[in-house]
Amino acid sequence: MFELGTHRVVEIPHCSIHHPLINDVAAVVRRALVDAGVPTYSETAHAGLVRYLQVVVERRSQTAQVVLVANSATPEPLAHCLDRIRELLGERLHSLWFNANRERTNAILGRDFTLWCGAQAVVEHFGGAGVHYPPGAFGQSNLDVAERIVEHVREAVPEGARVAEFYAGVGAIGLSILPGVRHLRMNEVSPPSLEGMALGLQALDPADRARIEVIAGAAGASAAAASGVDVVIADPPRKGLDRELLERLAAEPPHRFVYVSCGLDSFIRDTAVLVAAGQLQLRGLTAFNLMPFTEHVETVGVFARA
């Protein structure tokens, strides 16, 4: 957390919100930085090395995927520090990564990741095949509630349906519904998420993999994938559905549309467009407390052709 009105980080060594392993990793990284004499990044001067720390805990193994983000093109200036982190974490370490971010920007992650040691991706299960999360792929932090959302979506998909999923990420929803569907199209634009999706597909048996079609690119440019299916699923960013996809769903509605929204304002705006022509009706609405103690909710709307 930042000190109010600043970008000065407040240390919370025993944070009760974090998984205990995240607190442990933060303490280990602080020690390793000191031991290796690594300077932290100064935003004002655009100098120093270490900028951010990203930690993801894999539920099954209870180990940590650790990413050190640095103002450096290569991991070599951090070699001693990275080796020290590996030594101190030992069996608690899932994987250790370097991420290069040399830009004057408030973006946390740069585009380039280097695996220092460990596995390629954290693997989670949401009632189906393994879902692979490389360090640059988007994933929810509250996995217990995210799993309930996935289960809710799965229950809304009829057995044997042909499905198109937009904003599919690494495939958390799509791979969970695969056992019950006839054919699945998954659309995603983010390269790290497509990488995670590819890892998930590689782990499937050939027969299941043959029922999946991956469509890379922006959802709006890929809107034609919504044609010829029984169910469309979309889990867009906070801004809502891409305009081209929204217009296609309103003009050529599927039998069922499942909309997972993290932005209530955009969900309300998109719903007005979807139901305006009278071809789609909102049949179900469920809110999930994905981020407790905040005013944010995750909303799942189920629409059906009128």
C-alpha atoms as a PDB file:
ATOM      1  CA  MET A   1       0.000   0.000   0.000  1.00  0.00           C
ATOM      2  CA  PHE A   2       1.046   3.588  -0.627  1.00  0.00           C
ATOM      3  CA  GLU A   3       1.184   6.276   2.016  1.00  0.00           C
ATOM      4  CA  LEU A   4      -1.798   8.574   1.463  1.00  0.00           C
ATOM      5  CA  GLY A   5      -1.179  11.015  -1.390  1.00  0.00           C
ATOM      6  CA  THR A   6       2.245   9.577  -2.271  1.00  0.00           C
ATOM      7  CA  HIS A   7       3.991   6.673  -3.981  1.00  0.00           C
ATOM      8  CA  ARG A   8       5.903   5.832  -0.803  1.00  0.00           C
ATOM      9  CA  VAL A   9       5.301   2.217   0.103  1.00  0.00           C
ATOM     10  CA  VAL A  10       4.121   1.454   3.644  1.00  0.00           C
ATOM     11  CA  GLU A  11       5.609  -1.747   5.043  1.00  0.00           C
ATOM     12  CA  ILE A  12       3.022  -4.132   6.519  1.00  0.00           C
ATOM     13  CA  PRO A  13       5.158  -7.137   7.517  1.00  0.00           C
ATOM     14  CA  HIS A  14       2.315  -9.171   9.068  1.00  0.00           C
ATOM     15  CA  CYS A  15      -0.559  -8.177   6.786  1.00  0.00           C
ATOM     16  CA  SER A  16      -3.656 -10.203   7.705  1.00  0.00           C
ATOM     17  CA  ILE A  17      -5.125  -9.858   4.196  1.00  0.00           C
ATOM     18  CA  HIS A  18      -2.198 -11.520   2.437  1.00  0.00           C
ATOM     19  CA  HIS A  19      -1.547 -15.227   2.343  1.00  0.00           C
ATOM     20  CA  PRO A  20       1.155 -15.834   5.007  1.00  0.00           C
ATOM     21  CA  LEU A  21       3.574 -16.988   2.307  1.00  0.00           C
ATOM     22  CA  ILE A  22       3.315 -13.595   0.583  1.00  0.00           C
ATOM     23  CA  ASN A  23       4.391 -11.914   3.816  1.00  0.00           C
ATOM     24  CA  ASP A  24       7.290 -14.384   4.043  1.00  0.00           C
ATOM     25  CA  VAL A  25       8.348 -13.719   0.448  1.00  0.00           C
ATOM     26  CA  ALA A  26       8.285  -9.958   1.008  1.00  0.00           C
ATOM     27  CA  ALA A  27      10.554 -10.335   4.044  1.00  0.00           C
ATOM     28  CA  VAL A  28      12.937 -12.626   2.151  1.00  0.00           C
ATOM     29  CA  VAL A  29      13.171 -10.241  -0.797  1.00  0.00           C
ATOM     30  CA  ARG A  30      13.890  -7.287   1.508  1.00  0.00           C
ATOM     31  CA  ARG A  31      16.713  -9.279   3.110  1.00  0.00           C
ATOM     32  CA  ALA A  32      18.087 -10.415  -0.269  1.00  0.00           C
ATOM     33  CA  LEU A  33      18.126  -6.844  -1.595  1.00  0.00           C
ATOM     34  CA  VAL A  34      20.153  -5.731   1.415  1.00  0.00           C
ATOM     35  CA  ASP A  35      22.495  -8.725   1.262  1.00  0.00           C
ATOM     36  CA  ALA A  36      23.156  -8.155  -2.444  1.00  0.00           C
ATOM     37  CA  GLY A  37      23.416  -4.371  -2.144  1.00  0.00           C
ATOM     38  CA  VAL A  38      20.730  -3.789  -4.790  1.00  0.00           C
ATOM     39  CA  PRO A  39      19.403  -0.187  -4.970  1.00  0.00           C
ATOM     40  CA  THR A  40      15.632   0.271  -5.118  1.00  0.00           C
ATOM     41  CA  TYR A  41      14.053   2.329  -7.872  1.00  0.00           C
ATOM     42  CA  SER A  42      13.492   6.075  -7.553  1.00  0.00           C
ATOM     43  CA  GLU A  43      10.533   7.224  -9.614  1.00  0.00           C
ATOM     44  CA  THR A  44      11.632  10.874  -9.552  1.00  0.00           C
ATOM     45  CA  ALA A  45      15.204  10.216 -10.690  1.00  0.00           C
ATOM     46  CA  HIS A  46      14.351   7.164 -12.861  1.00  0.00           C
ATOM     47  CA  ALA A  47      17.364   5.491 -11.249  1.00  0.00           C
ATOM     48  CA  GLY A  48      18.005   2.372  -9.187  1.00  0.00           C
ATOM     49  CA  LEU A  49      17.058  -1.192 -10.003  1.00  0.00           C
ATOM     50  CA  VAL A  50      14.211  -2.970  -8.210  1.00  0.00           C
ATOM     51  CA  ARG A  51      10.774  -1.484  -8.875  1.00  0.00           C
ATOM     52  CA  TYR A  52       8.093  -4.020  -7.939  1.00  0.00           C
ATOM     53  CA  LEU A  53       7.522  -7.457  -6.480  1.00  0.00           C
ATOM     54  CA  GLN A  54       4.730  -9.743  -7.714  1.00  0.00           C
ATOM     55  CA  VAL A  55       3.850 -12.893  -5.761  1.00  0.00           C
ATOM     56  CA  VAL A  56       1.313 -15.600  -6.640  1.00  0.00           C
ATOM     57  CA  VAL A  57       0.693 -18.588  -4.369  1.00  0.00           C
ATOM     58  CA  GLU A  58      -0.215 -21.868  -6.053  1.00  0.00           C
ATOM     59  CA  ARG A  59      -2.965 -23.414  -3.937  1.00  0.00           C
ATOM     60  CA  ARG A  60      -2.114 -27.072  -4.527  1.00  0.00           C
ATOM     61  CA  SER A  61       1.609 -26.862  -3.693  1.00  0.00           C
ATOM     62  CA  GLN A  62       1.468 -23.820  -1.371  1.00  0.00           C
ATOM     63  CA  THR A  63       4.549 -22.452  -3.130  1.00  0.00           C
ATOM     64  CA  ALA A  64       5.171 -18.946  -4.476  1.00  0.00           C
ATOM     65  CA  GLN A  65       5.695 -17.722  -8.023  1.00  0.00           C
ATOM     66  CA  VAL A  66       7.933 -14.676  -7.484  1.00  0.00           C
ATOM     67  CA  VAL A  67       8.590 -11.919 -10.028  1.00  0.00           C
ATOM     68  CA  LEU A  68      11.155  -9.171  -9.456  1.00  0.00           C
ATOM     69  CA  VAL A  69      10.479  -6.169 -11.704  1.00  0.00           C
ATOM     70  CA  ALA A  70      13.573  -4.066 -12.360  1.00  0.00           C
ATOM     71  CA  ASN A  71      14.845  -1.021 -14.209  1.00  0.00           C
ATOM     72  CA  SER A  72      17.226  -3.191 -16.210  1.00  0.00           C
ATOM     73  CA  ALA A  73      17.234  -4.819 -19.639  1.00  0.00           C
ATOM     74  CA  THR A  74      18.691  -8.095 -18.335  1.00  0.00           C
ATOM     75  CA  PRO A  75      18.702  -9.992 -15.015  1.00  0.00           C
ATOM     76  CA  GLU A  76      22.519  -9.980 -14.676  1.00  0.00           C
ATOM     77  CA  PRO A  77      22.709  -6.949 -12.310  1.00  0.00           C
ATOM     78  CA  LEU A  78      20.332  -8.839 -10.008  1.00  0.00           C
ATOM     79  CA  ALA A  79      21.985 -12.259 -10.267  1.00  0.00           C
ATOM     80  CA  HIS A  80      23.299 -12.349  -6.697  1.00  0.00           C
ATOM     81  CA  CYS A  81      19.961 -11.123  -5.325  1.00  0.00           C
ATOM     82  CA  LEU A  82      17.972 -13.695  -7.334  1.00  0.00           C
ATOM     83  CA  ASP A  83      20.230 -16.521  -6.170  1.00  0.00           C
ATOM     84  CA  ARG A  84      19.842 -15.299  -2.588  1.00  0.00           C
ATOM     85  CA  ILE A  85      16.024 -15.327  -2.889  1.00  0.00           C
ATOM     86  CA  ARG A  86      16.147 -18.885  -4.238  1.00  0.00           C
ATOM     87  CA  GLU A  87      18.401 -19.946  -1.360  1.00  0.00           C
ATOM     88  CA  LEU A  88      16.289 -18.328   1.359  1.00  0.00           C
ATOM     89  CA  LEU A  89      12.902 -19.543   0.089  1.00  0.00           C
ATOM     90  CA  GLY A  90      14.018 -23.079  -0.707  1.00  0.00           C
ATOM     91  CA  GLU A  91      11.090 -25.483  -1.066  1.00  0.00           C
ATOM     92  CA  ARG A  92       8.584 -22.640  -0.644  1.00  0.00           C
ATOM     93  CA  LEU A  93       9.587 -21.304  -4.091  1.00  0.00           C
ATOM     94  CA  HIS A  94       7.492 -22.353  -7.088  1.00  0.00           C
ATOM     95  CA  SER A  95       9.429 -20.253  -9.611  1.00  0.00           C
ATOM     96  CA  LEU A  96      11.530 -17.106  -9.744  1.00  0.00           C
ATOM     97  CA  TRP A  97      11.287 -14.598 -12.569  1.00  0.00           C
ATOM     98  CA  PHE A  98      12.921 -11.382 -13.730  1.00  0.00           C
ATOM     99  CA  ASN A  99      10.802  -8.769 -15.512  1.00  0.00           C
ATOM    100  CA  ALA A 100      12.363  -5.853 -17.393  1.00  0.00           C
ATOM    101  CA  ASN A 101      10.580  -2.501 -17.045  1.00  0.00           C
ATOM    102  CA  ARG A 102      12.799   0.449 -17.992  1.00  0.00           C
ATOM    103  CA  GLU A 103      10.019   2.866 -18.942  1.00  0.00           C
ATOM    104  CA  ARG A 104       8.982   6.048 -17.151  1.00  0.00           C
ATOM    105  CA  THR A 105       5.487   4.738 -16.546  1.00  0.00           C
ATOM    106  CA  ASN A 106       3.156   3.616 -13.801  1.00  0.00           C
ATOM    107  CA  ALA A 107       2.677   0.263 -15.552  1.00  0.00           C
ATOM    108  CA  ILE A 108       3.903  -2.400 -13.145  1.00  0.00           C
ATOM    109  CA  LEU A 109       5.032  -5.116 -15.560  1.00  0.00           C
ATOM    110  CA  GLY A 110       7.160  -4.819 -18.671  1.00  0.00           C
ATOM    111  CA  ARG A 111       6.742  -7.120 -21.662  1.00  0.00           C
ATOM    112  CA  ASP A 112       9.854  -9.280 -21.200  1.00  0.00           C
ATOM    113  CA  PHE A 113      10.055 -12.073 -18.597  1.00  0.00           C
ATOM    114  CA  THR A 114      13.079 -14.255 -17.877  1.00  0.00           C
ATOM    115  CA  LEU A 115      12.685 -17.483 -15.906  1.00  0.00           C
ATOM    116  CA  TRP A 116      15.494 -17.709 -13.355  1.00  0.00           C
ATOM    117  CA  CYS A 117      14.424 -21.061 -11.898  1.00  0.00           C
ATOM    118  CA  GLY A 118      11.351 -23.246 -11.426  1.00  0.00           C
ATOM    119  CA  ALA A 119       8.200 -24.014 -13.406  1.00  0.00           C
ATOM    120  CA  GLN A 120       6.706 -22.118 -16.343  1.00  0.00           C
ATOM    121  CA  ALA A 121       3.309 -21.465 -14.772  1.00  0.00           C
ATOM    122  CA  VAL A 122       1.194 -21.730 -11.650  1.00  0.00           C
ATOM    123  CA  VAL A 123      -1.491 -24.380 -12.215  1.00  0.00           C
ATOM    124  CA  GLU A 124      -4.990 -24.084 -10.736  1.00  0.00           C
ATOM    125  CA  HIS A 125      -8.113 -26.222 -11.140  1.00  0.00           C
ATOM    126  CA  PHE A 126     -11.681 -24.905 -11.325  1.00  0.00           C
ATOM    127  CA  GLY A 127     -13.637 -28.107 -11.754  1.00  0.00           C
ATOM    128  CA  GLY A 128     -11.933 -29.076 -15.010  1.00  0.00           C
ATOM    129  CA  ALA A 129      -8.541 -29.267 -16.660  1.00  0.00           C
ATOM    130  CA  GLY A 130      -5.509 -27.515 -15.246  1.00  0.00           C
ATOM    131  CA  VAL A 131      -5.420 -23.749 -15.825  1.00  0.00           C
ATOM    132  CA  HIS A 132      -1.907 -22.360 -16.355  1.00  0.00           C
ATOM    133  CA  TYR A 133      -0.892 -18.879 -15.198  1.00  0.00           C
ATOM    134  CA  PRO A 134       2.460 -17.590 -16.477  1.00  0.00           C
ATOM    135  CA  PRO A 135       3.553 -14.506 -14.499  1.00  0.00           C
ATOM    136  CA  GLY A 136       2.260 -11.952 -17.038  1.00  0.00           C
ATOM    137  CA  ALA A 137      -1.213 -13.476 -17.409  1.00  0.00           C
ATOM    138  CA  PHE A 138      -4.222 -11.992 -15.629  1.00  0.00           C
ATOM    139  CA  GLY A 139      -5.619 -13.963 -12.717  1.00  0.00           C
ATOM    140  CA  GLN A 140      -7.971 -13.169  -9.857  1.00  0.00           C
ATOM    141  CA  SER A 141      -6.416 -12.804  -6.421  1.00  0.00           C
ATOM    142  CA  ASN A 142      -9.461 -14.180  -4.568  1.00  0.00           C
ATOM    143  CA  LEU A 143      -9.441 -17.676  -6.078  1.00  0.00           C
ATOM    144  CA  ASP A 144     -12.068 -19.140  -3.741  1.00  0.00           C
ATOM    145  CA  VAL A 145     -14.720 -16.665  -4.913  1.00  0.00           C
ATOM    146  CA  ALA A 146     -13.428 -16.824  -8.504  1.00  0.00           C
ATOM    147  CA  GLU A 147     -14.019 -20.573  -8.381  1.00  0.00           C
ATOM    148  CA  ARG A 148     -17.633 -19.982  -7.301  1.00  0.00           C
ATOM    149  CA  ILE A 149     -18.090 -17.644 -10.280  1.00  0.00           C
ATOM    150  CA  VAL A 150     -16.722 -20.295 -12.647  1.00  0.00           C
ATOM    151  CA  GLU A 151     -19.087 -22.891 -11.146  1.00  0.00           C
ATOM    152  CA  HIS A 152     -22.017 -20.484 -11.595  1.00  0.00           C
ATOM    153  CA  VAL A 153     -21.144 -19.923 -15.255  1.00  0.00           C
ATOM    154  CA  ARG A 154     -20.719 -23.663 -15.836  1.00  0.00           C
ATOM    155  CA  GLU A 155     -24.224 -24.306 -14.492  1.00  0.00           C
ATOM    156  CA  ALA A 156     -25.606 -21.818 -17.035  1.00  0.00           C
ATOM    157  CA  VAL A 157     -24.187 -23.747 -20.019  1.00  0.00           C
ATOM    158  CA  PRO A 158     -26.460 -26.568 -21.305  1.00  0.00           C
ATOM    159  CA  GLU A 159     -24.962 -30.012 -21.854  1.00  0.00           C
ATOM    160  CA  GLY A 160     -23.694 -30.507 -25.412  1.00  0.00           C
ATOM    161  CA  ALA A 161     -23.761 -26.807 -26.296  1.00  0.00           C
ATOM    162  CA  ARG A 162     -21.511 -25.117 -28.824  1.00  0.00           C
ATOM    163  CA  VAL A 163     -19.819 -22.253 -26.963  1.00  0.00           C
ATOM    164  CA  ALA A 164     -17.829 -19.134 -27.837  1.00  0.00           C
ATOM    165  CA  GLU A 165     -15.951 -17.425 -25.009  1.00  0.00           C
ATOM    166  CA  PHE A 166     -14.572 -13.893 -25.382  1.00  0.00           C
ATOM    167  CA  TYR A 167     -11.884 -12.345 -23.157  1.00  0.00           C
ATOM    168  CA  ALA A 168     -11.037 -15.925 -22.199  1.00  0.00           C
ATOM    169  CA  GLY A 169      -7.728 -15.161 -20.463  1.00  0.00           C
ATOM    170  CA  VAL A 170      -5.818 -18.374 -19.780  1.00  0.00           C
ATOM    171  CA  GLY A 171      -9.048 -20.386 -20.052  1.00  0.00           C
ATOM    172  CA  ALA A 172     -10.293 -20.631 -16.465  1.00  0.00           C
ATOM    173  CA  ILE A 173     -13.945 -20.672 -17.553  1.00  0.00           C
ATOM    174  CA  GLY A 174     -13.528 -22.398 -20.907  1.00  0.00           C
ATOM    175  CA  LEU A 175     -11.442 -25.326 -19.663  1.00  0.00           C
ATOM    176  CA  SER A 176     -13.847 -25.853 -16.756  1.00  0.00           C
ATOM    177  CA  ILE A 177     -16.870 -26.249 -19.061  1.00  0.00           C
ATOM    178  CA  LEU A 178     -15.066 -28.305 -21.720  1.00  0.00           C
ATOM    179  CA  PRO A 179     -16.200 -31.746 -20.418  1.00  0.00           C
ATOM    180  CA  GLY A 180     -19.851 -30.839 -21.007  1.00  0.00           C
ATOM    181  CA  VAL A 181     -19.744 -28.974 -24.337  1.00  0.00           C
ATOM    182  CA  ARG A 182     -19.623 -30.111 -27.959  1.00  0.00           C
ATOM    183  CA  HIS A 183     -17.279 -27.419 -29.293  1.00  0.00           C
ATOM    184  CA  LEU A 184     -15.520 -24.451 -27.705  1.00  0.00           C
ATOM    185  CA  ARG A 185     -14.086 -21.289 -29.249  1.00  0.00           C
ATOM    186  CA  MET A 186     -11.835 -19.210 -26.988  1.00  0.00           C
ATOM    187  CA  ASN A 187     -10.871 -15.647 -27.862  1.00  0.00           C
ATOM    188  CA  GLU A 188      -8.061 -13.689 -26.170  1.00  0.00           C
ATOM    189  CA  VAL A 189      -5.726 -10.833 -27.135  1.00  0.00           C
ATOM    190  CA  SER A 190      -3.048 -10.786 -24.378  1.00  0.00           C
ATOM    191  CA  PRO A 191       0.162 -12.690 -25.337  1.00  0.00           C
ATOM    192  CA  PRO A 192       0.892 -13.901 -21.758  1.00  0.00           C
ATOM    193  CA  SER A 193      -2.686 -15.157 -21.391  1.00  0.00           C
ATOM    194  CA  LEU A 194      -2.498 -16.884 -24.783  1.00  0.00           C
ATOM    195  CA  GLU A 195       0.732 -18.507 -23.608  1.00  0.00           C
ATOM    196  CA  GLY A 196      -1.023 -19.803 -20.491  1.00  0.00           C
ATOM    197  CA  MET A 197      -3.964 -21.011 -22.580  1.00  0.00           C
ATOM    198  CA  ALA A 198      -1.552 -22.892 -24.872  1.00  0.00           C
ATOM    199  CA  LEU A 199       0.020 -24.619 -21.861  1.00  0.00           C
ATOM    200  CA  GLY A 200      -3.435 -25.674 -20.696  1.00  0.00           C
ATOM    201  CA  LEU A 201      -4.325 -27.050 -24.112  1.00  0.00           C
ATOM    202  CA  GLN A 202      -1.042 -28.959 -24.356  1.00  0.00           C
ATOM    203  CA  ALA A 203      -1.964 -30.850 -21.190  1.00  0.00           C
ATOM    204  CA  LEU A 204      -5.289 -32.073 -22.651  1.00  0.00           C
ATOM    205  CA  ASP A 205      -5.720 -35.387 -24.412  1.00  0.00           C
ATOM    206  CA  PRO A 206      -5.935 -35.070 -28.230  1.00  0.00           C
ATOM    207  CA  ALA A 207      -9.689 -35.695 -28.382  1.00  0.00           C
ATOM    208  CA  ASP A 208     -10.475 -32.835 -25.991  1.00  0.00           C
ATOM    209  CA  ARG A 209      -7.967 -30.544 -27.670  1.00  0.00           C
ATOM    210  CA  ALA A 210      -9.652 -31.178 -31.037  1.00  0.00           C
ATOM    211  CA  ARG A 211     -12.901 -29.674 -29.694  1.00  0.00           C
ATOM    212  CA  ILE A 212     -11.247 -26.308 -28.981  1.00  0.00           C
ATOM    213  CA  GLU A 213     -10.649 -23.475 -31.417  1.00  0.00           C
ATOM    214  CA  VAL A 214      -8.421 -20.594 -30.261  1.00  0.00           C
ATOM    215  CA  ILE A 215      -9.051 -17.200 -31.856  1.00  0.00           C
ATOM    216  CA  ALA A 216      -6.305 -14.704 -31.031  1.00  0.00           C
ATOM    217  CA  GLY A 217      -7.029 -10.987 -31.275  1.00  0.00           C
ATOM    218  CA  ALA A 218      -9.267  -8.261 -29.924  1.00  0.00           C
ATOM    219  CA  ALA A 219     -12.819  -9.333 -29.082  1.00  0.00           C
ATOM    220  CA  GLY A 220     -14.338  -6.704 -31.364  1.00  0.00           C
ATOM    221  CA  ALA A 221     -12.291  -7.833 -34.351  1.00  0.00           C
ATOM    222  CA  SER A 222     -13.188 -11.448 -33.539  1.00  0.00           C
ATOM    223  CA  ALA A 223     -16.924 -10.859 -33.067  1.00  0.00           C
ATOM    224  CA  ALA A 224     -17.795 -13.218 -35.942  1.00  0.00           C
ATOM    225  CA  ALA A 225     -16.848 -16.092 -33.607  1.00  0.00           C
ATOM    226  CA  ALA A 226     -20.192 -15.494 -31.854  1.00  0.00           C
ATOM    227  CA  SER A 227     -22.046 -16.804 -34.923  1.00  0.00           C
ATOM    228  CA  GLY A 228     -23.228 -20.390 -35.148  1.00  0.00           C
ATOM    229  CA  VAL A 229     -22.964 -21.189 -31.438  1.00  0.00           C
ATOM    230  CA  ASP A 230     -25.570 -21.865 -28.752  1.00  0.00           C
ATOM    231  CA  VAL A 231     -23.936 -19.982 -25.879  1.00  0.00           C
ATOM    232  CA  VAL A 232     -21.664 -16.939 -25.767  1.00  0.00           C
ATOM    233  CA  ILE A 233     -19.649 -16.167 -22.631  1.00  0.00           C
ATOM    234  CA  ALA A 234     -17.834 -12.871 -22.093  1.00  0.00           C
ATOM    235  CA  ASP A 235     -15.666 -11.692 -19.200  1.00  0.00           C
ATOM    236  CA  PRO A 236     -14.459  -8.272 -20.397  1.00  0.00           C
ATOM    237  CA  PRO A 237     -12.294  -5.706 -18.588  1.00  0.00           C
ATOM    238  CA  ARG A 238     -13.874  -2.899 -16.611  1.00  0.00           C
ATOM    239  CA  LYS A 239     -14.686  -0.878 -19.747  1.00  0.00           C
ATOM    240  CA  GLY A 240     -17.185  -3.528 -20.872  1.00  0.00           C
ATOM    241  CA  LEU A 241     -17.789  -5.252 -24.196  1.00  0.00           C
ATOM    242  CA  ASP A 242     -16.015  -4.122 -27.350  1.00  0.00           C
ATOM    243  CA  ARG A 243     -18.465  -2.132 -29.456  1.00  0.00           C
ATOM    244  CA  GLU A 244     -18.367  -4.542 -32.432  1.00  0.00           C
ATOM    245  CA  LEU A 245     -19.097  -7.547 -30.216  1.00  0.00           C
ATOM    246  CA  LEU A 246     -21.876  -5.724 -28.369  1.00  0.00           C
ATOM    247  CA  GLU A 247     -23.597  -4.753 -31.601  1.00  0.00           C
ATOM    248  CA  ARG A 248     -23.349  -8.281 -33.032  1.00  0.00           C
ATOM    249  CA  LEU A 249     -24.827  -9.848 -29.889  1.00  0.00           C
ATOM    250  CA  ALA A 250     -27.706  -7.352 -29.948  1.00  0.00           C
ATOM    251  CA  ALA A 251     -28.401  -7.889 -33.666  1.00  0.00           C
ATOM    252  CA  GLU A 252     -27.768 -11.674 -33.810  1.00  0.00           C
ATOM    253  CA  PRO A 253     -28.318 -12.940 -30.270  1.00  0.00           C
ATOM    254  CA  PRO A 254     -27.291 -16.474 -29.305  1.00  0.00           C
ATOM    255  CA  HIS A 255     -29.718 -18.734 -27.442  1.00  0.00           C
ATOM    256  CA  ARG A 256     -27.905 -17.777 -24.224  1.00  0.00           C
ATOM    257  CA  PHE A 257     -25.373 -15.101 -23.313  1.00  0.00           C
ATOM    258  CA  VAL A 258     -23.468 -15.210 -20.005  1.00  0.00           C
ATOM    259  CA  TYR A 259     -21.877 -11.859 -19.114  1.00  0.00           C
ATOM    260  CA  VAL A 260     -19.292 -11.783 -16.302  1.00  0.00           C
ATOM    261  CA  SER A 261     -18.712  -8.136 -15.399  1.00  0.00           C
ATOM    262  CA  CYS A 262     -16.170  -6.412 -13.150  1.00  0.00           C
ATOM    263  CA  GLY A 263     -17.595  -2.956 -13.938  1.00  0.00           C
ATOM    264  CA  LEU A 264     -21.193  -2.332 -12.887  1.00  0.00           C
ATOM    265  CA  ASP A 265     -21.506   0.921 -14.859  1.00  0.00           C
ATOM    266  CA  SER A 266     -20.389  -0.718 -18.096  1.00  0.00           C
ATOM    267  CA  PHE A 267     -22.610  -3.745 -17.422  1.00  0.00           C
ATOM    268  CA  ILE A 268     -25.665  -1.492 -17.052  1.00  0.00           C
ATOM    269  CA  ARG A 269     -24.746   0.430 -20.209  1.00  0.00           C
ATOM    270  CA  ASP A 270     -24.155  -2.748 -22.255  1.00  0.00           C
ATOM    271  CA  THR A 271     -27.355  -4.370 -20.956  1.00  0.00           C
ATOM    272  CA  ALA A 272     -29.388  -1.426 -22.222  1.00  0.00           C
ATOM    273  CA  VAL A 273     -28.024  -2.045 -25.727  1.00  0.00           C
ATOM    274  CA  LEU A 274     -28.454  -5.814 -25.559  1.00  0.00           C
ATOM    275  CA  VAL A 275     -32.135  -5.717 -24.600  1.00  0.00           C
ATOM    276  CA  ALA A 276     -33.160  -2.621 -26.586  1.00  0.00           C
ATOM    277  CA  ALA A 277     -34.336  -4.512 -29.671  1.00  0.00           C
ATOM    278  CA  GLY A 278     -36.295  -7.024 -27.597  1.00  0.00           C
ATOM    279  CA  GLN A 279     -34.407 -10.043 -28.938  1.00  0.00           C
ATOM    280  CA  LEU A 280     -32.506 -10.694 -25.691  1.00  0.00           C
ATOM    281  CA  GLN A 281     -33.895 -10.726 -22.171  1.00  0.00           C
ATOM    282  CA  LEU A 282     -32.009 -10.599 -18.880  1.00  0.00           C
ATOM    283  CA  ARG A 283     -33.136 -13.773 -17.089  1.00  0.00           C
ATOM    284  CA  GLY A 284     -30.709 -13.961 -14.158  1.00  0.00           C
ATOM    285  CA  LEU A 285     -28.435 -11.656 -12.183  1.00  0.00           C
ATOM    286  CA  THR A 286     -25.999 -12.684  -9.429  1.00  0.00           C
ATOM    287  CA  ALA A 287     -23.442 -10.588  -7.536  1.00  0.00           C
ATOM    288  CA  PHE A 288     -20.250 -12.033  -6.043  1.00  0.00           C
ATOM    289  CA  ASN A 289     -18.248 -10.346  -3.281  1.00  0.00           C
ATOM    290  CA  LEU A 290     -14.914 -10.840  -5.038  1.00  0.00           C
ATOM    291  CA  MET A 291     -13.125  -8.079  -3.138  1.00  0.00           C
ATOM    292  CA  PRO A 292     -14.421  -8.075   0.465  1.00  0.00           C
ATOM    293  CA  PHE A 293     -14.449  -4.791   2.415  1.00  0.00           C
ATOM    294  CA  THR A 294     -14.712  -2.767  -0.810  1.00  0.00           C
ATOM    295  CA  GLU A 295     -17.746  -1.487  -2.713  1.00  0.00           C
ATOM    296  CA  HIS A 296     -16.774  -3.607  -5.741  1.00  0.00           C
ATOM    297  CA  VAL A 297     -18.814  -6.627  -6.802  1.00  0.00           C
ATOM    298  CA  GLU A 298     -18.451  -9.065  -9.679  1.00  0.00           C
ATOM    299  CA  THR A 299     -21.772  -9.356 -11.529  1.00  0.00           C
ATOM    300  CA  VAL A 300     -22.889 -12.312 -13.643  1.00  0.00           C
ATOM    301  CA  GLY A 301     -25.846 -11.726 -15.928  1.00  0.00           C
ATOM    302  CA  VAL A 302     -27.549 -14.527 -17.866  1.00  0.00           C
ATOM    303  CA  PHE A 303     -29.417 -13.424 -21.005  1.00  0.00           C
ATOM    304  CA  ALA A 304     -31.684 -15.579 -23.153  1.00  0.00           C
ATOM    305  CA  ARG A 305     -33.117 -15.097 -26.629  1.00  0.00           C
ATOM    306  CA  ALA A 306     -36.682 -13.818 -26.392  1.00  0.00           C
END
